[in-house]
Amino acid sequence: MKGTVSMIIRQVDEKDLNQLITLENKGFTPEEAASKDAFITRINTIPDTFIIAQENEEIIGYVNGPVISAPFITDDLFEKTISNPETGGHQSILGIVVNPKHHHKGIASMLLREFEKQARNKQRLTVTLTCKEELIPFYEKNGYVNQGVAESQHAGVQWFNMSKEL
């Protein structure tokens, strides 16, 4: 019998950097993708809100983002990351990516549920993110509400604010 595949959800570790950058570049265009420096900063500054889905030794997905005081993401968050408050605030998602060969297996929804559970445990008010129009149905299926076109000019793309009350 072949070895069973077991997926684990865990907090990010510095050793994950190279796999994360590879995955980020599969999930986003070069203009949208976070830089290596941005990942190093997020790993070191907000490891508590940077979750990995791993199967065997391969990172197959992740979700990350800082806790913010405002209910919506602003473009400066893509450049500057500060430590999360112990409780309160709004949990943002700057990136959620699943390796394309693992799409349609429920991994992104599972990452969202884990992220939301952790945010609830820290008394966050909402989980907030921006997405492209074609992803709105996915987030709505996961309980997020479309709050309209975002002010974001990130990568010259039209983004939509999505949020979920906790």
C-alpha atoms as a PDB file:
ATOM      1  CA  MET A   1       0.000   0.000   0.000  1.00  0.00           C
ATOM      2  CA  LYS A   2       1.232   3.468  -0.895  1.00  0.00           C
ATOM      3  CA  GLY A   3       2.034   5.871   1.933  1.00  0.00           C
ATOM      4  CA  THR A   4      -0.919   7.995   2.973  1.00  0.00           C
ATOM      5  CA  VAL A   5      -0.808  11.675   2.196  1.00  0.00           C
ATOM      6  CA  SER A   6      -1.445  13.856   5.170  1.00  0.00           C
ATOM      7  CA  MET A   7      -1.866  17.575   5.005  1.00  0.00           C
ATOM      8  CA  ILE A   8      -0.960  19.734   7.952  1.00  0.00           C
ATOM      9  CA  ILE A   9      -1.796  23.348   8.689  1.00  0.00           C
ATOM     10  CA  ARG A  10       0.926  25.213  10.543  1.00  0.00           C
ATOM     11  CA  GLN A  11       2.493  28.587  11.194  1.00  0.00           C
ATOM     12  CA  VAL A  12       5.119  29.861   8.759  1.00  0.00           C
ATOM     13  CA  ASP A  13       8.820  29.233   9.360  1.00  0.00           C
ATOM     14  CA  GLU A  14      11.869  31.007   7.884  1.00  0.00           C
ATOM     15  CA  LYS A  15      12.831  27.814   6.016  1.00  0.00           C
ATOM     16  CA  ASP A  16       9.614  28.165   3.956  1.00  0.00           C
ATOM     17  CA  LEU A  17      10.800  31.295   2.116  1.00  0.00           C
ATOM     18  CA  ASN A  18      11.875  29.808  -1.233  1.00  0.00           C
ATOM     19  CA  GLN A  19       8.788  27.603  -1.628  1.00  0.00           C
ATOM     20  CA  LEU A  20       6.563  30.558  -0.687  1.00  0.00           C
ATOM     21  CA  ILE A  21       8.100  32.827  -3.317  1.00  0.00           C
ATOM     22  CA  THR A  22       7.666  30.120  -5.970  1.00  0.00           C
ATOM     23  CA  LEU A  23       4.033  29.658  -4.960  1.00  0.00           C
ATOM     24  CA  GLU A  24       3.363  33.424  -4.821  1.00  0.00           C
ATOM     25  CA  ASN A  25       4.596  33.754  -8.394  1.00  0.00           C
ATOM     26  CA  LYS A  26       2.247  30.974  -9.530  1.00  0.00           C
ATOM     27  CA  GLY A  27      -0.716  32.717  -7.887  1.00  0.00           C
ATOM     28  CA  PHE A  28      -0.096  36.320  -8.888  1.00  0.00           C
ATOM     29  CA  THR A  29       1.250  38.281 -11.845  1.00  0.00           C
ATOM     30  CA  PRO A  30       4.751  39.783 -11.420  1.00  0.00           C
ATOM     31  CA  GLU A  31       3.128  43.186 -10.738  1.00  0.00           C
ATOM     32  CA  GLU A  32       0.813  41.746  -8.063  1.00  0.00           C
ATOM     33  CA  ALA A  33       3.206  39.328  -6.364  1.00  0.00           C
ATOM     34  CA  ALA A  34       4.868  40.146  -3.079  1.00  0.00           C
ATOM     35  CA  SER A  35       8.634  40.551  -3.232  1.00  0.00           C
ATOM     36  CA  LYS A  36      11.161  38.349  -1.443  1.00  0.00           C
ATOM     37  CA  ASP A  37      11.800  41.229   0.982  1.00  0.00           C
ATOM     38  CA  ALA A  38       8.064  41.535   1.684  1.00  0.00           C
ATOM     39  CA  PHE A  39       7.920  37.814   2.492  1.00  0.00           C
ATOM     40  CA  ILE A  40      10.956  38.001   4.773  1.00  0.00           C
ATOM     41  CA  THR A  41       9.314  40.907   6.622  1.00  0.00           C
ATOM     42  CA  ARG A  42       5.963  39.097   6.942  1.00  0.00           C
ATOM     43  CA  ILE A  43       7.637  35.877   8.155  1.00  0.00           C
ATOM     44  CA  ASN A  44       9.578  37.815  10.798  1.00  0.00           C
ATOM     45  CA  THR A  45       6.890  40.344  11.790  1.00  0.00           C
ATOM     46  CA  ILE A  46       3.528  38.537  11.538  1.00  0.00           C
ATOM     47  CA  PRO A  47       4.245  34.794  11.789  1.00  0.00           C
ATOM     48  CA  ASP A  48       1.121  34.476  13.949  1.00  0.00           C
ATOM     49  CA  THR A  49      -1.056  35.414  10.946  1.00  0.00           C
ATOM     50  CA  PHE A  50       0.851  33.534   8.254  1.00  0.00           C
ATOM     51  CA  ILE A  51      -0.527  30.002   7.841  1.00  0.00           C
ATOM     52  CA  ILE A  52       0.850  27.216   5.658  1.00  0.00           C
ATOM     53  CA  ALA A  53      -0.865  24.134   4.205  1.00  0.00           C
ATOM     54  CA  GLN A  54       1.760  21.443   3.749  1.00  0.00           C
ATOM     55  CA  GLU A  55       1.577  17.981   2.241  1.00  0.00           C
ATOM     56  CA  ASN A  56       4.620  15.850   2.980  1.00  0.00           C
ATOM     57  CA  GLU A  57       7.474  18.363   2.504  1.00  0.00           C
ATOM     58  CA  GLU A  58       5.679  20.533  -0.067  1.00  0.00           C
ATOM     59  CA  ILE A  59       3.897  23.788   0.739  1.00  0.00           C
ATOM     60  CA  ILE A  60       0.671  23.553  -1.262  1.00  0.00           C
ATOM     61  CA  GLY A  61      -0.979  26.743  -0.042  1.00  0.00           C
ATOM     62  CA  TYR A  62      -0.808  29.642   2.366  1.00  0.00           C
ATOM     63  CA  VAL A  63      -2.682  32.653   3.658  1.00  0.00           C
ATOM     64  CA  ASN A  64      -1.169  35.723   5.313  1.00  0.00           C
ATOM     65  CA  GLY A  65      -1.865  39.279   6.321  1.00  0.00           C
ATOM     66  CA  PRO A  66      -1.465  41.721   9.188  1.00  0.00           C
ATOM     67  CA  VAL A  67      -4.112  42.876  11.632  1.00  0.00           C
ATOM     68  CA  ILE A  68      -5.148  46.427  10.739  1.00  0.00           C
ATOM     69  CA  SER A  69      -7.160  49.140  12.492  1.00  0.00           C
ATOM     70  CA  ALA A  70      -9.277  50.077   9.437  1.00  0.00           C
ATOM     71  CA  PRO A  71     -11.940  47.755   7.996  1.00  0.00           C
ATOM     72  CA  PHE A  72     -10.382  47.714   4.497  1.00  0.00           C
ATOM     73  CA  ILE A  73      -6.933  47.103   3.017  1.00  0.00           C
ATOM     74  CA  THR A  74      -4.848  50.074   1.894  1.00  0.00           C
ATOM     75  CA  ASP A  75      -1.994  49.842  -0.612  1.00  0.00           C
ATOM     76  CA  ASP A  76       0.669  50.805   1.951  1.00  0.00           C
ATOM     77  CA  LEU A  77       0.135  47.379   3.571  1.00  0.00           C
ATOM     78  CA  PHE A  78       1.867  45.760   0.596  1.00  0.00           C
ATOM     79  CA  GLU A  79       5.025  47.733   1.430  1.00  0.00           C
ATOM     80  CA  LYS A  80       5.085  48.072   5.210  1.00  0.00           C
ATOM     81  CA  THR A  81       4.266  45.425   7.811  1.00  0.00           C
ATOM     82  CA  ILE A  82       3.945  46.063  11.540  1.00  0.00           C
ATOM     83  CA  SER A  83       3.435  43.563  14.355  1.00  0.00           C
ATOM     84  CA  ASN A  84      -0.091  42.450  15.154  1.00  0.00           C
ATOM     85  CA  PRO A  85      -1.880  43.674  18.285  1.00  0.00           C
ATOM     86  CA  GLU A  86      -2.623  40.919  20.804  1.00  0.00           C
ATOM     87  CA  THR A  87      -6.393  41.309  20.327  1.00  0.00           C
ATOM     88  CA  GLY A  88      -8.912  43.393  18.372  1.00  0.00           C
ATOM     89  CA  GLY A  89      -8.649  45.046  14.973  1.00  0.00           C
ATOM     90  CA  HIS A  90      -9.440  43.649  11.547  1.00  0.00           C
ATOM     91  CA  GLN A  91      -7.600  40.609  10.184  1.00  0.00           C
ATOM     92  CA  SER A  92      -6.496  41.366   6.631  1.00  0.00           C
ATOM     93  CA  ILE A  93      -5.548  38.881   3.953  1.00  0.00           C
ATOM     94  CA  LEU A  94      -2.799  40.159   1.662  1.00  0.00           C
ATOM     95  CA  GLY A  95      -2.257  36.818  -0.012  1.00  0.00           C
ATOM     96  CA  ILE A  96      -3.940  33.446  -0.282  1.00  0.00           C
ATOM     97  CA  VAL A  97      -2.511  31.032  -2.826  1.00  0.00           C
ATOM     98  CA  VAL A  98      -2.961  27.335  -3.524  1.00  0.00           C
ATOM     99  CA  ASN A  99      -0.649  25.510  -5.915  1.00  0.00           C
ATOM    100  CA  PRO A 100      -2.585  25.161  -9.211  1.00  0.00           C
ATOM    101  CA  LYS A 101      -2.120  21.372  -9.200  1.00  0.00           C
ATOM    102  CA  HIS A 102      -4.079  21.320  -5.916  1.00  0.00           C
ATOM    103  CA  HIS A 103      -6.964  23.567  -7.044  1.00  0.00           C
ATOM    104  CA  HIS A 104     -10.569  22.421  -6.522  1.00  0.00           C
ATOM    105  CA  LYS A 105      -9.731  20.346  -3.442  1.00  0.00           C
ATOM    106  CA  GLY A 106     -11.136  22.805  -0.879  1.00  0.00           C
ATOM    107  CA  ILE A 107      -7.701  23.882   0.364  1.00  0.00           C
ATOM    108  CA  ALA A 108      -8.304  27.645   0.013  1.00  0.00           C
ATOM    109  CA  SER A 109     -11.607  27.352   1.914  1.00  0.00           C
ATOM    110  CA  MET A 110      -9.882  25.294   4.605  1.00  0.00           C
ATOM    111  CA  LEU A 111      -7.140  27.947   4.938  1.00  0.00           C
ATOM    112  CA  LEU A 112      -9.819  30.650   5.244  1.00  0.00           C
ATOM    113  CA  ARG A 113     -11.639  28.707   7.991  1.00  0.00           C
ATOM    114  CA  GLU A 114      -8.420  28.235   9.974  1.00  0.00           C
ATOM    115  CA  PHE A 115      -7.484  31.908   9.526  1.00  0.00           C
ATOM    116  CA  GLU A 116     -10.974  32.979  10.663  1.00  0.00           C
ATOM    117  CA  LYS A 117     -10.825  30.661  13.693  1.00  0.00           C
ATOM    118  CA  GLN A 118      -7.519  32.155  14.790  1.00  0.00           C
ATOM    119  CA  ALA A 119      -8.872  35.686  14.222  1.00  0.00           C
ATOM    120  CA  ARG A 120     -11.979  34.888  16.303  1.00  0.00           C
ATOM    121  CA  ASN A 121      -9.760  33.605  19.122  1.00  0.00           C
ATOM    122  CA  LYS A 122      -7.982  36.993  19.156  1.00  0.00           C
ATOM    123  CA  GLN A 123     -11.278  38.950  19.149  1.00  0.00           C
ATOM    124  CA  ARG A 124     -10.740  40.413  15.673  1.00  0.00           C
ATOM    125  CA  LEU A 125     -13.826  42.212  14.306  1.00  0.00           C
ATOM    126  CA  THR A 126     -13.678  41.042  10.686  1.00  0.00           C
ATOM    127  CA  VAL A 127     -11.528  39.321   8.117  1.00  0.00           C
ATOM    128  CA  THR A 128     -10.989  41.681   5.191  1.00  0.00           C
ATOM    129  CA  LEU A 129      -9.356  41.301   1.789  1.00  0.00           C
ATOM    130  CA  THR A 130      -9.359  42.591  -1.751  1.00  0.00           C
ATOM    131  CA  CYS A 131      -9.867  40.320  -4.742  1.00  0.00           C
ATOM    132  CA  LYS A 132     -10.368  40.427  -8.480  1.00  0.00           C
ATOM    133  CA  GLU A 133     -13.926  40.300  -9.790  1.00  0.00           C
ATOM    134  CA  GLU A 134     -13.712  36.650 -10.887  1.00  0.00           C
ATOM    135  CA  LEU A 135     -12.968  35.559  -7.299  1.00  0.00           C
ATOM    136  CA  ILE A 136     -16.006  37.273  -5.729  1.00  0.00           C
ATOM    137  CA  PRO A 137     -18.213  34.127  -6.005  1.00  0.00           C
ATOM    138  CA  PHE A 138     -15.567  32.021  -4.225  1.00  0.00           C
ATOM    139  CA  TYR A 139     -15.400  34.425  -1.286  1.00  0.00           C
ATOM    140  CA  GLU A 140     -19.192  34.838  -1.161  1.00  0.00           C
ATOM    141  CA  LYS A 141     -19.489  31.033  -0.960  1.00  0.00           C
ATOM    142  CA  ASN A 142     -17.189  31.272   2.086  1.00  0.00           C
ATOM    143  CA  GLY A 143     -19.396  33.867   3.798  1.00  0.00           C
ATOM    144  CA  TYR A 144     -17.695  37.072   2.688  1.00  0.00           C
ATOM    145  CA  VAL A 145     -19.710  40.117   1.619  1.00  0.00           C
ATOM    146  CA  ASN A 146     -18.785  42.202  -1.424  1.00  0.00           C
ATOM    147  CA  GLN A 147     -18.307  45.764  -0.161  1.00  0.00           C
ATOM    148  CA  GLY A 148     -17.737  47.224  -3.636  1.00  0.00           C
ATOM    149  CA  VAL A 149     -14.784  48.479  -5.646  1.00  0.00           C
ATOM    150  CA  ALA A 150     -11.670  49.054  -3.522  1.00  0.00           C
ATOM    151  CA  GLU A 151      -9.617  52.234  -3.633  1.00  0.00           C
ATOM    152  CA  SER A 152      -6.541  50.067  -4.201  1.00  0.00           C
ATOM    153  CA  GLN A 153      -4.412  50.807  -7.238  1.00  0.00           C
ATOM    154  CA  HIS A 154      -2.144  47.794  -6.543  1.00  0.00           C
ATOM    155  CA  ALA A 155      -0.649  46.464  -9.802  1.00  0.00           C
ATOM    156  CA  GLY A 156      -3.083  48.606 -11.812  1.00  0.00           C
ATOM    157  CA  VAL A 157      -5.890  46.069 -11.294  1.00  0.00           C
ATOM    158  CA  GLN A 158      -9.505  46.689 -10.225  1.00  0.00           C
ATOM    159  CA  TRP A 159      -9.949  45.135  -6.779  1.00  0.00           C
ATOM    160  CA  PHE A 160     -13.076  44.543  -4.721  1.00  0.00           C
ATOM    161  CA  ASN A 161     -13.332  44.823  -0.930  1.00  0.00           C
ATOM    162  CA  MET A 162     -14.629  41.643   0.667  1.00  0.00           C
ATOM    163  CA  SER A 163     -15.223  41.216   4.387  1.00  0.00           C
ATOM    164  CA  LYS A 164     -16.630  38.755   6.858  1.00  0.00           C
ATOM    165  CA  GLU A 165     -17.819  39.642  10.334  1.00  0.00           C
ATOM    166  CA  LEU A 166     -16.577  37.303  13.032  1.00  0.00           C
END
